[in-house]
Amino acid sequence: MRSEMRIAFIGSTGRLGGPIAHEALARGHAVTALRRGEVDIFDVAALAQAVRGHDALVSAYRPPSGDTLHLLAALARCLTRAAPLAGVARLLTVGGAGVLEVAPGQRLGDQSDFPAALRPQVVAHAAAIAELRAAEGVDWTCVVPAAQIAPGPRSARYRTAVGVLVRREDGSSTITDADFACAVLDELETGRHPRQVLGVGD
């Protein structure tokens, strides 16, 4: 992956997408925001046309709550079809912490103390990851923040674990949005974890 990239970005103004887009621009990358109303991100042909000529496609899309959570899987399906159609080499999505394991075979979202109101999001993110894994010939990574992510300073220090929730010795799992953005860009630039779900925490 070259040092300066053209990045097509879905969700670049969101709570997580905003810091990621800011980090990308600070590193000298060119960011093309795919705004709602301008590009139909659920139309494969339209999405492919919009991202053609870019080096990477990033999605930090966050659908409205409720029944529309099924859109996460639908979007993942479109992303994995549009990217290769457009010749985009790299696909990176942002996932939810509930899909990460806290013990072998045990996800955070399956724990008894996990908020019931958030369980539909776990199902939706898991369905989206299933779509990514089913896709062939796509270099994707799903980067997932710690259980608690909040605005905070950029230290550029973080830890990662494939498929696992990153926790401290006391069991807490946190990351600032700025450090999560740093981790996302580091992964986008290096491509160290192709076709993997990557947990990030401090």
Protein backbone atom coordinates (compact mmCIF):
# COMPACT_ATOMS: atom_id res chain seq x y z
CA MET A 1 0.00 0.00 0.00
CA ARG A 2 1.51 3.32 -1.01
CA SER A 3 2.14 6.00 1.62
CA GLU A 4 -0.45 8.42 0.26
CA MET A 5 -3.84 6.94 -0.47
CA ARG A 6 -7.12 8.04 -1.97
CA ILE A 7 -9.74 6.84 0.50
CA ALA A 8 -13.46 6.64 -0.25
CA PHE A 9 -15.24 6.98 3.09
CA ILE A 10 -18.75 6.05 4.20
CA GLY A 11 -19.70 7.63 7.53
CA SER A 12 -16.89 10.18 7.61
CA THR A 13 -18.83 12.61 9.80
CA GLY A 14 -20.04 10.10 12.40
CA ARG A 15 -18.98 9.65 16.01
CA LEU A 16 -16.26 7.17 15.02
CA GLY A 17 -15.92 8.08 11.36
CA GLY A 18 -15.12 11.72 12.05
CA PRO A 19 -11.93 11.05 14.03
CA ILE A 20 -10.87 8.41 11.49
CA ALA A 21 -11.31 10.84 8.59
CA HIS A 22 -9.43 13.52 10.55
CA GLU A 23 -6.53 11.11 11.18
CA ALA A 24 -6.43 10.18 7.49
CA LEU A 25 -6.26 13.81 6.40
CA ALA A 26 -3.59 14.57 9.03
CA ARG A 27 -1.45 11.82 7.49
CA GLY A 28 -1.74 13.36 4.05
CA HIS A 29 -4.28 11.00 2.54
CA ALA A 30 -7.08 12.24 0.29
CA VAL A 31 -10.55 11.49 1.64
CA THR A 32 -13.66 11.36 -0.52
CA ALA A 33 -16.78 11.47 1.66
CA LEU A 34 -19.63 9.39 0.22
CA ARG A 35 -22.55 11.40 1.53
CA ARG A 36 -26.10 10.22 1.97
CA GLY A 37 -28.26 11.54 -0.84
CA GLU A 38 -25.33 11.81 -3.23
CA VAL A 39 -24.38 8.13 -3.53
CA ASP A 40 -26.66 5.13 -3.05
CA ILE A 41 -24.32 2.98 -0.99
CA PHE A 42 -26.75 0.04 -1.25
CA ASP A 43 -26.55 -0.03 -5.05
CA VAL A 44 -23.49 -2.02 -6.09
CA ALA A 45 -23.10 -0.34 -9.49
CA ALA A 46 -23.54 3.16 -8.07
CA LEU A 47 -21.14 2.49 -5.23
CA ALA A 48 -18.54 1.00 -7.57
CA GLN A 49 -18.77 4.06 -9.79
CA ALA A 50 -18.29 6.36 -6.79
CA VAL A 51 -15.20 4.55 -5.44
CA ARG A 52 -13.47 3.82 -8.73
CA GLY A 53 -9.95 5.27 -8.77
CA HIS A 54 -9.52 5.04 -4.99
CA ASP A 55 -6.98 2.90 -3.18
CA ALA A 56 -9.20 2.01 -0.25
CA LEU A 57 -12.82 1.99 0.84
CA VAL A 58 -13.59 2.64 4.51
CA SER A 59 -16.99 2.27 6.14
CA ALA A 60 -17.88 3.54 9.60
CA TYR A 61 -21.56 3.45 8.70
CA ARG A 62 -23.93 3.46 11.65
CA PRO A 63 -27.57 2.79 10.77
CA PRO A 64 -30.49 4.06 12.81
CA SER A 65 -31.52 1.76 15.65
CA GLY A 66 -34.35 -0.72 15.37
CA ASP A 67 -35.27 -2.76 12.33
CA THR A 68 -32.81 -0.90 10.12
CA LEU A 69 -29.89 -2.69 11.80
CA HIS A 70 -30.24 -5.29 9.04
CA LEU A 71 -28.70 -2.63 6.80
CA LEU A 72 -25.25 -3.45 8.21
CA ALA A 73 -25.25 -6.87 6.52
CA ALA A 74 -26.75 -5.43 3.35
CA LEU A 75 -24.04 -2.79 3.20
CA ALA A 76 -21.27 -5.32 3.84
CA ARG A 77 -22.60 -7.36 0.92
CA CYS A 78 -22.54 -4.28 -1.32
CA LEU A 79 -19.06 -3.28 -0.16
CA THR A 80 -17.57 -6.68 -0.96
CA ARG A 81 -19.07 -6.59 -4.45
CA ALA A 82 -18.43 -2.94 -5.29
CA ALA A 83 -14.79 -2.81 -4.19
CA PRO A 84 -13.46 -5.48 -6.59
CA LEU A 85 -15.78 -4.25 -9.34
CA ALA A 86 -14.19 -0.80 -9.01
CA GLY A 87 -10.65 -2.13 -8.66
CA VAL A 88 -10.32 -0.90 -5.08
CA ALA A 89 -7.62 -2.93 -3.39
CA ARG A 90 -8.47 -2.47 0.28
CA LEU A 91 -11.72 -2.57 2.27
CA LEU A 92 -11.90 -1.64 5.94
CA THR A 93 -15.02 -1.58 8.10
CA VAL A 94 -15.68 -0.60 11.72
CA GLY A 95 -17.43 -3.19 13.88
CA GLY A 96 -19.05 -3.35 17.32
CA ALA A 97 -17.37 -4.66 20.47
CA GLY A 98 -20.12 -7.18 21.17
CA VAL A 99 -18.80 -9.51 18.46
CA LEU A 100 -15.39 -9.89 20.11
CA GLU A 101 -14.56 -12.87 22.30
CA VAL A 102 -13.90 -12.51 26.03
CA ALA A 103 -13.08 -16.24 26.28
CA PRO A 104 -12.81 -18.97 23.66
CA GLY A 105 -16.21 -19.24 21.99
CA GLN A 106 -17.76 -16.58 24.25
CA ARG A 107 -18.55 -13.16 22.81
CA LEU A 108 -18.91 -10.01 24.86
CA GLY A 109 -22.44 -9.64 23.52
CA ASP A 110 -23.41 -13.06 24.88
CA GLN A 111 -22.49 -12.27 28.48
CA SER A 112 -25.31 -12.01 31.03
CA ASP A 113 -24.40 -8.45 32.00
CA PHE A 114 -24.32 -7.18 28.42
CA PRO A 115 -27.13 -4.60 27.93
CA ALA A 116 -30.16 -6.27 26.37
CA ALA A 117 -30.91 -3.13 24.37
CA LEU A 118 -27.59 -3.51 22.54
CA ARG A 119 -27.95 -7.18 21.63
CA PRO A 120 -29.64 -6.45 18.26
CA GLN A 121 -26.52 -4.51 17.32
CA VAL A 122 -24.37 -7.56 18.10
CA VAL A 123 -26.52 -9.68 15.79
CA ALA A 124 -26.30 -7.02 13.07
CA HIS A 125 -22.52 -6.65 13.29
CA ALA A 126 -22.07 -10.43 13.33
CA ALA A 127 -24.19 -10.70 10.19
CA ALA A 128 -22.07 -8.04 8.50
CA ILE A 129 -18.87 -9.90 9.40
CA ALA A 130 -20.39 -13.10 8.00
CA GLU A 131 -20.90 -11.27 4.70
CA LEU A 132 -17.26 -10.15 4.71
CA ARG A 133 -16.01 -13.65 5.40
CA ALA A 134 -18.16 -15.11 2.65
CA ALA A 135 -16.73 -12.76 0.03
CA GLU A 136 -13.98 -14.08 -2.21
CA GLY A 137 -11.12 -12.06 -3.61
CA VAL A 138 -11.61 -9.11 -1.23
CA ASP A 139 -8.84 -7.80 1.02
CA TRP A 140 -10.94 -6.69 4.02
CA THR A 141 -10.36 -6.00 7.69
CA CYS A 142 -12.99 -5.24 10.31
CA VAL A 143 -11.52 -3.08 13.09
CA VAL A 144 -13.46 -3.08 16.36
CA PRO A 145 -13.01 -0.68 19.28
CA ALA A 146 -12.92 -1.57 22.96
CA ALA A 147 -16.13 -1.92 24.97
CA GLN A 148 -15.88 1.74 26.01
CA ILE A 149 -14.81 4.34 23.46
CA ALA A 150 -14.96 8.03 24.26
CA PRO A 151 -13.49 11.33 23.08
CA GLY A 152 -9.95 11.74 24.29
CA PRO A 153 -6.36 12.58 23.41
CA ARG A 154 -4.27 10.85 20.76
CA SER A 155 -1.38 8.94 22.34
CA ALA A 156 -0.85 6.61 19.34
CA ARG A 157 -0.46 3.81 21.91
CA TYR A 158 -2.87 0.91 21.72
CA ARG A 159 -3.01 -2.88 21.70
CA THR A 160 -4.67 -5.24 19.24
CA ALA A 161 -5.95 -8.81 19.31
CA VAL A 162 -7.48 -10.80 16.48
CA GLY A 163 -11.12 -11.54 17.27
CA VAL A 164 -10.66 -10.80 20.97
CA LEU A 165 -11.76 -7.92 23.20
CA VAL A 166 -8.67 -6.02 24.39
CA ARG A 167 -8.83 -5.57 28.17
CA ARG A 168 -6.62 -4.29 30.95
CA GLU A 169 -5.60 -6.42 33.91
CA ASP A 170 -8.57 -5.10 35.88
CA GLY A 171 -10.94 -6.29 33.16
CA SER A 172 -11.81 -2.85 31.80
CA SER A 173 -11.83 -2.29 28.06
CA THR A 174 -11.36 1.27 26.83
CA ILE A 175 -9.92 3.36 24.00
CA THR A 176 -10.13 7.01 23.01
CA ASP A 177 -11.66 7.83 19.65
CA ALA A 178 -8.38 9.44 18.58
CA ASP A 179 -6.33 6.34 19.40
CA PHE A 180 -8.89 4.10 17.71
CA ALA A 181 -8.61 6.28 14.61
CA CYS A 182 -4.83 5.89 14.78
CA ALA A 183 -5.22 2.11 14.90
CA VAL A 184 -7.59 2.13 11.93
CA LEU A 185 -5.17 4.16 9.80
CA ASP A 186 -2.21 2.05 10.85
CA GLU A 187 -4.10 -1.05 9.72
CA LEU A 188 -5.21 0.59 6.50
CA GLU A 189 -1.65 1.62 5.65
CA THR A 190 0.06 -1.65 6.60
CA GLY A 191 -2.59 -4.26 5.81
CA ARG A 192 -1.25 -6.52 8.54
CA HIS A 193 -4.54 -8.29 9.23
CA PRO A 194 -6.22 -9.20 5.94
CA ARG A 195 -9.59 -10.94 6.21
CA GLN A 196 -9.58 -10.69 10.00
CA VAL A 197 -11.60 -9.02 12.76
CA LEU A 198 -9.22 -6.92 14.84
CA GLY A 199 -9.98 -5.75 18.38
CA VAL A 200 -8.34 -2.52 19.57
CA GLY A 201 -7.93 -1.21 23.14
CA ASP A 202 -5.54 0.75 25.29
